[in-house]
Each structure stands twice: as structure tokens, then as C-alpha cells.
Amino acid sequence: MVGMVSYHVATGTAKKDIAKNFVNFGIWPEAQETFCNGMQYGAVNRQVKLSPPASERVPKLESLLLFDWWKVVPQMAPWLEPWNREIAG
């Protein structure tokens, strides 16, 4: 299973051009390579080349499963107490 990190430009922002530039910087190949290799995360830019250990840790895109948040979120409340008790300690 995989969770995703995403960038968003808020509707109606007064600094839309600056926000778009920030998003573009975040997905720029050099920025993605530095971040993803450092954090061992998968990249969103297909031009990015991961190096070990990131390239060994990050699974291939076609093998990933995404959470179905529409099913997960309604179940979170009943899962929280056992999670806190049994896993989080």
C-alpha cells in the first residue's frame, strides 16, 4: 500500500503565480532526485533516476496499491482505539 504526498494551489490565492512556481519546482527532476534519494521515496517525475538505497527500496509503480480513502475514512474511528492500545502503546 502507498500513501501519496501532493501539492495544491489554493483556490482564490492572491499569489497564484508564486504558488504554481513552487509546485513546478517541487516536481522538477533535480529537486525530485534530491528529495526522493534522500528520503527513499518514489518520484512523481518519470525523468528522475533513483540511486541505491532508494532504487532498491522504492517499488515499481505498477506494483503499488492505493488506499481507497472513501472506504478507509469511515472505519478510522473504530480502528483508532485498538491501534493506540496495541500498536502505538
N, C-alpha and C. Protein backbone atom coordinates (compact mmCIF):
# COMPACT_ATOMS: atom_id res chain seq x y z
N MET A 1 0.84 -1.18 0.00
CA MET A 1 0.00 0.00 0.00
C MET A 1 0.88 1.24 0.00
N VAL A 2 0.38 2.28 -0.59
CA VAL A 2 1.13 3.52 -0.68
C VAL A 2 0.23 4.69 -0.32
N GLY A 3 0.80 5.65 0.34
CA GLY A 3 0.15 6.93 0.56
C GLY A 3 0.82 7.94 -0.36
N MET A 4 0.16 8.99 -0.68
CA MET A 4 0.74 9.95 -1.61
C MET A 4 0.84 11.32 -0.98
N VAL A 5 1.88 12.01 -1.37
CA VAL A 5 2.08 13.40 -0.98
C VAL A 5 1.76 14.23 -2.21
N SER A 6 1.06 15.33 -2.03
CA SER A 6 0.69 16.12 -3.21
C SER A 6 0.80 17.61 -2.90
N TYR A 7 0.95 18.37 -3.96
CA TYR A 7 0.97 19.83 -3.88
C TYR A 7 -0.36 20.35 -4.39
N HIS A 8 -0.83 21.45 -3.82
CA HIS A 8 -2.08 22.06 -4.25
C HIS A 8 -1.94 23.58 -4.23
N VAL A 9 -2.57 24.22 -5.19
CA VAL A 9 -2.66 25.68 -5.18
C VAL A 9 -4.07 26.02 -4.73
N ALA A 10 -4.17 26.75 -3.63
CA ALA A 10 -5.48 27.08 -3.06
C ALA A 10 -6.29 27.94 -4.02
N THR A 11 -7.56 27.62 -4.15
CA THR A 11 -8.46 28.41 -4.97
C THR A 11 -8.54 29.83 -4.43
N GLY A 12 -8.42 30.78 -5.31
CA GLY A 12 -8.54 32.18 -4.93
C GLY A 12 -7.30 32.78 -4.30
N THR A 13 -6.18 32.06 -4.31
CA THR A 13 -4.98 32.61 -3.69
C THR A 13 -4.54 33.90 -4.40
N ALA A 14 -4.04 34.83 -3.63
CA ALA A 14 -3.59 36.11 -4.19
C ALA A 14 -2.23 35.97 -4.86
N LYS A 15 -1.51 34.90 -4.57
CA LYS A 15 -0.15 34.69 -5.08
C LYS A 15 -0.11 33.44 -5.97
N LYS A 16 -1.07 33.31 -6.88
CA LYS A 16 -1.19 32.10 -7.69
C LYS A 16 0.08 31.80 -8.49
N ASP A 17 0.70 32.79 -9.11
CA ASP A 17 1.90 32.56 -9.91
C ASP A 17 3.04 32.02 -9.05
N ILE A 18 3.20 32.58 -7.85
CA ILE A 18 4.25 32.12 -6.95
C ILE A 18 3.97 30.69 -6.51
N ALA A 19 2.71 30.38 -6.19
CA ALA A 19 2.34 29.03 -5.78
C ALA A 19 2.60 28.03 -6.90
N LYS A 20 2.25 28.38 -8.12
CA LYS A 20 2.50 27.48 -9.26
C LYS A 20 4.00 27.28 -9.46
N ASN A 21 4.79 28.33 -9.29
CA ASN A 21 6.24 28.19 -9.41
C ASN A 21 6.79 27.23 -8.36
N PHE A 22 6.25 27.30 -7.15
CA PHE A 22 6.68 26.40 -6.09
C PHE A 22 6.35 24.95 -6.44
N VAL A 23 5.14 24.71 -6.92
CA VAL A 23 4.74 23.35 -7.33
C VAL A 23 5.66 22.86 -8.44
N ASN A 24 5.89 23.71 -9.44
CA ASN A 24 6.77 23.31 -10.53
C ASN A 24 8.18 23.00 -10.04
N PHE A 25 8.68 23.78 -9.09
CA PHE A 25 9.99 23.49 -8.51
C PHE A 25 9.97 22.11 -7.83
N GLY A 26 8.91 21.83 -7.08
CA GLY A 26 8.82 20.57 -6.35
C GLY A 26 8.82 19.33 -7.24
N ILE A 27 8.34 19.47 -8.48
CA ILE A 27 8.31 18.32 -9.39
C ILE A 27 9.41 18.36 -10.44
N TRP A 28 10.26 19.36 -10.38
CA TRP A 28 11.41 19.50 -11.26
C TRP A 28 12.35 18.30 -11.02
N PRO A 29 12.91 17.70 -12.07
CA PRO A 29 13.70 16.48 -11.89
C PRO A 29 14.81 16.58 -10.84
N GLU A 30 15.58 17.66 -10.84
CA GLU A 30 16.68 17.76 -9.88
C GLU A 30 16.18 17.84 -8.44
N ALA A 31 15.09 18.56 -8.22
CA ALA A 31 14.51 18.64 -6.87
C ALA A 31 13.97 17.29 -6.44
N GLN A 32 13.29 16.60 -7.35
CA GLN A 32 12.75 15.27 -7.05
C GLN A 32 13.86 14.27 -6.76
N GLU A 33 14.94 14.30 -7.56
CA GLU A 33 16.04 13.36 -7.32
C GLU A 33 16.65 13.57 -5.95
N THR A 34 16.89 14.82 -5.59
CA THR A 34 17.49 15.11 -4.28
C THR A 34 16.57 14.65 -3.16
N PHE A 35 15.30 15.03 -3.23
CA PHE A 35 14.35 14.66 -2.18
C PHE A 35 14.14 13.15 -2.11
N CYS A 36 13.86 12.53 -3.24
CA CYS A 36 13.49 11.11 -3.26
C CYS A 36 14.67 10.21 -2.90
N ASN A 37 15.86 10.56 -3.36
CA ASN A 37 17.02 9.76 -2.97
C ASN A 37 17.33 9.95 -1.49
N GLY A 38 17.17 11.16 -0.99
CA GLY A 38 17.42 11.41 0.43
C GLY A 38 16.41 10.76 1.35
N MET A 39 15.16 10.79 0.96
CA MET A 39 14.08 10.26 1.80
C MET A 39 13.72 8.81 1.45
N GLN A 40 14.24 8.31 0.34
CA GLN A 40 13.92 6.98 -0.18
C GLN A 40 12.43 6.87 -0.50
N TYR A 41 11.94 7.88 -1.21
CA TYR A 41 10.55 7.92 -1.66
C TYR A 41 10.53 7.79 -3.17
N GLY A 42 9.40 7.36 -3.69
CA GLY A 42 9.21 7.33 -5.14
C GLY A 42 8.97 8.73 -5.67
N ALA A 43 9.35 8.95 -6.90
CA ALA A 43 9.23 10.27 -7.53
C ALA A 43 7.96 10.36 -8.37
N VAL A 44 7.46 11.57 -8.56
CA VAL A 44 6.32 11.79 -9.44
C VAL A 44 6.78 12.14 -10.85
N ASN A 45 8.02 12.53 -10.99
CA ASN A 45 8.56 12.89 -12.29
C ASN A 45 9.26 11.67 -12.87
N ARG A 46 8.80 11.22 -14.03
CA ARG A 46 9.33 9.99 -14.62
C ARG A 46 10.77 10.12 -15.12
N GLN A 47 11.29 11.33 -15.18
CA GLN A 47 12.68 11.54 -15.60
C GLN A 47 13.67 11.30 -14.46
N VAL A 48 13.18 11.17 -13.25
CA VAL A 48 14.03 11.04 -12.07
C VAL A 48 14.69 9.66 -12.04
N LYS A 49 15.97 9.64 -11.73
CA LYS A 49 16.72 8.40 -11.56
C LYS A 49 17.05 8.25 -10.08
N LEU A 50 16.56 7.17 -9.49
CA LEU A 50 16.87 6.88 -8.09
C LEU A 50 18.15 6.08 -8.01
N SER A 51 18.92 6.32 -6.97
CA SER A 51 20.15 5.57 -6.74
C SER A 51 20.01 4.77 -5.45
N PRO A 52 20.84 3.74 -5.26
CA PRO A 52 20.76 2.98 -4.02
C PRO A 52 21.02 3.89 -2.82
N PRO A 53 20.37 3.67 -1.70
CA PRO A 53 19.43 2.59 -1.42
C PRO A 53 18.00 2.87 -1.86
N ALA A 54 17.70 4.09 -2.32
CA ALA A 54 16.32 4.41 -2.72
C ALA A 54 15.85 3.51 -3.87
N SER A 55 16.70 3.28 -4.87
CA SER A 55 16.30 2.47 -6.02
C SER A 55 16.00 1.03 -5.61
N GLU A 56 16.60 0.57 -4.52
CA GLU A 56 16.34 -0.79 -4.04
C GLU A 56 15.10 -0.85 -3.14
N ARG A 57 14.77 0.26 -2.51
CA ARG A 57 13.65 0.30 -1.55
C ARG A 57 12.32 0.64 -2.20
N VAL A 58 12.34 1.52 -3.19
CA VAL A 58 11.11 2.02 -3.79
C VAL A 58 10.58 0.99 -4.80
N PRO A 59 9.35 0.50 -4.60
CA PRO A 59 8.80 -0.48 -5.54
C PRO A 59 8.45 0.15 -6.89
N LYS A 60 8.34 -0.69 -7.89
CA LYS A 60 7.95 -0.23 -9.22
C LYS A 60 6.51 0.28 -9.18
N LEU A 61 6.24 1.31 -9.97
CA LEU A 61 4.93 1.97 -9.99
C LEU A 61 3.79 0.97 -10.22
N GLU A 62 3.98 0.04 -11.14
CA GLU A 62 2.90 -0.89 -11.47
C GLU A 62 2.57 -1.88 -10.33
N SER A 63 3.43 -1.97 -9.31
CA SER A 63 3.17 -2.89 -8.21
C SER A 63 2.48 -2.22 -7.02
N LEU A 64 2.24 -0.91 -7.10
CA LEU A 64 1.67 -0.19 -5.97
C LEU A 64 0.15 -0.32 -5.89
N LEU A 65 -0.35 -0.30 -4.69
CA LEU A 65 -1.79 -0.26 -4.43
C LEU A 65 -2.09 1.03 -3.68
N LEU A 66 -3.14 1.71 -4.07
CA LEU A 66 -3.54 2.94 -3.39
C LEU A 66 -4.67 2.65 -2.41
N PHE A 67 -4.64 3.35 -1.29
CA PHE A 67 -5.74 3.24 -0.34
C PHE A 67 -7.02 3.76 -0.99
N ASP A 68 -8.13 3.10 -0.70
CA ASP A 68 -9.44 3.61 -1.09
C ASP A 68 -9.94 4.42 0.11
N TRP A 69 -9.60 5.72 0.12
CA TRP A 69 -9.89 6.56 1.27
C TRP A 69 -11.38 6.67 1.54
N TRP A 70 -12.23 6.51 0.53
CA TRP A 70 -13.68 6.56 0.74
C TRP A 70 -14.14 5.39 1.61
N LYS A 71 -13.40 4.30 1.61
CA LYS A 71 -13.71 3.15 2.47
C LYS A 71 -12.96 3.22 3.80
N VAL A 72 -11.75 3.75 3.78
CA VAL A 72 -10.91 3.78 4.99
C VAL A 72 -11.42 4.80 6.01
N VAL A 73 -11.69 6.02 5.56
CA VAL A 73 -12.03 7.10 6.49
C VAL A 73 -13.22 6.76 7.41
N PRO A 74 -14.32 6.20 6.89
CA PRO A 74 -15.42 5.88 7.82
C PRO A 74 -15.06 4.83 8.87
N GLN A 75 -14.02 4.03 8.62
CA GLN A 75 -13.62 2.99 9.57
C GLN A 75 -12.56 3.46 10.57
N MET A 76 -12.05 4.67 10.40
CA MET A 76 -10.92 5.10 11.21
C MET A 76 -11.26 5.22 12.70
N ALA A 77 -12.42 5.71 13.03
CA ALA A 77 -12.78 5.88 14.45
C ALA A 77 -12.76 4.54 15.19
N PRO A 78 -13.41 3.49 14.67
CA PRO A 78 -13.36 2.21 15.40
C PRO A 78 -11.96 1.58 15.43
N TRP A 79 -11.10 1.93 14.48
CA TRP A 79 -9.75 1.37 14.45
C TRP A 79 -8.78 2.12 15.37
N LEU A 80 -9.09 3.36 15.70
CA LEU A 80 -8.15 4.20 16.42
C LEU A 80 -7.83 3.69 17.83
N GLU A 81 -8.83 3.32 18.59
CA GLU A 81 -8.59 2.88 19.97
C GLU A 81 -7.74 1.60 20.01
N PRO A 82 -8.06 0.53 19.24
CA PRO A 82 -7.16 -0.64 19.24
C PRO A 82 -5.76 -0.31 18.72
N TRP A 83 -5.66 0.55 17.74
CA TRP A 83 -4.35 0.94 17.21
C TRP A 83 -3.52 1.60 18.33
N ASN A 84 -4.13 2.54 19.02
CA ASN A 84 -3.41 3.24 20.10
C ASN A 84 -3.01 2.27 21.22
N ARG A 85 -3.89 1.35 21.54
CA ARG A 85 -3.66 0.41 22.64
C ARG A 85 -2.62 -0.65 22.25
N GLU A 86 -2.75 -1.24 21.07
CA GLU A 86 -1.95 -2.42 20.71
C GLU A 86 -0.68 -2.07 19.93
N ILE A 87 -0.68 -0.98 19.20
CA ILE A 87 0.47 -0.69 18.34
C ILE A 87 1.22 0.53 18.82
N ALA A 88 0.52 1.63 19.02
CA ALA A 88 1.20 2.88 19.41
C ALA A 88 1.69 2.83 20.85
N GLY A 89 1.02 2.02 21.67
CA GLY A 89 1.48 1.82 23.04
C GLY A 89 1.06 2.90 23.94
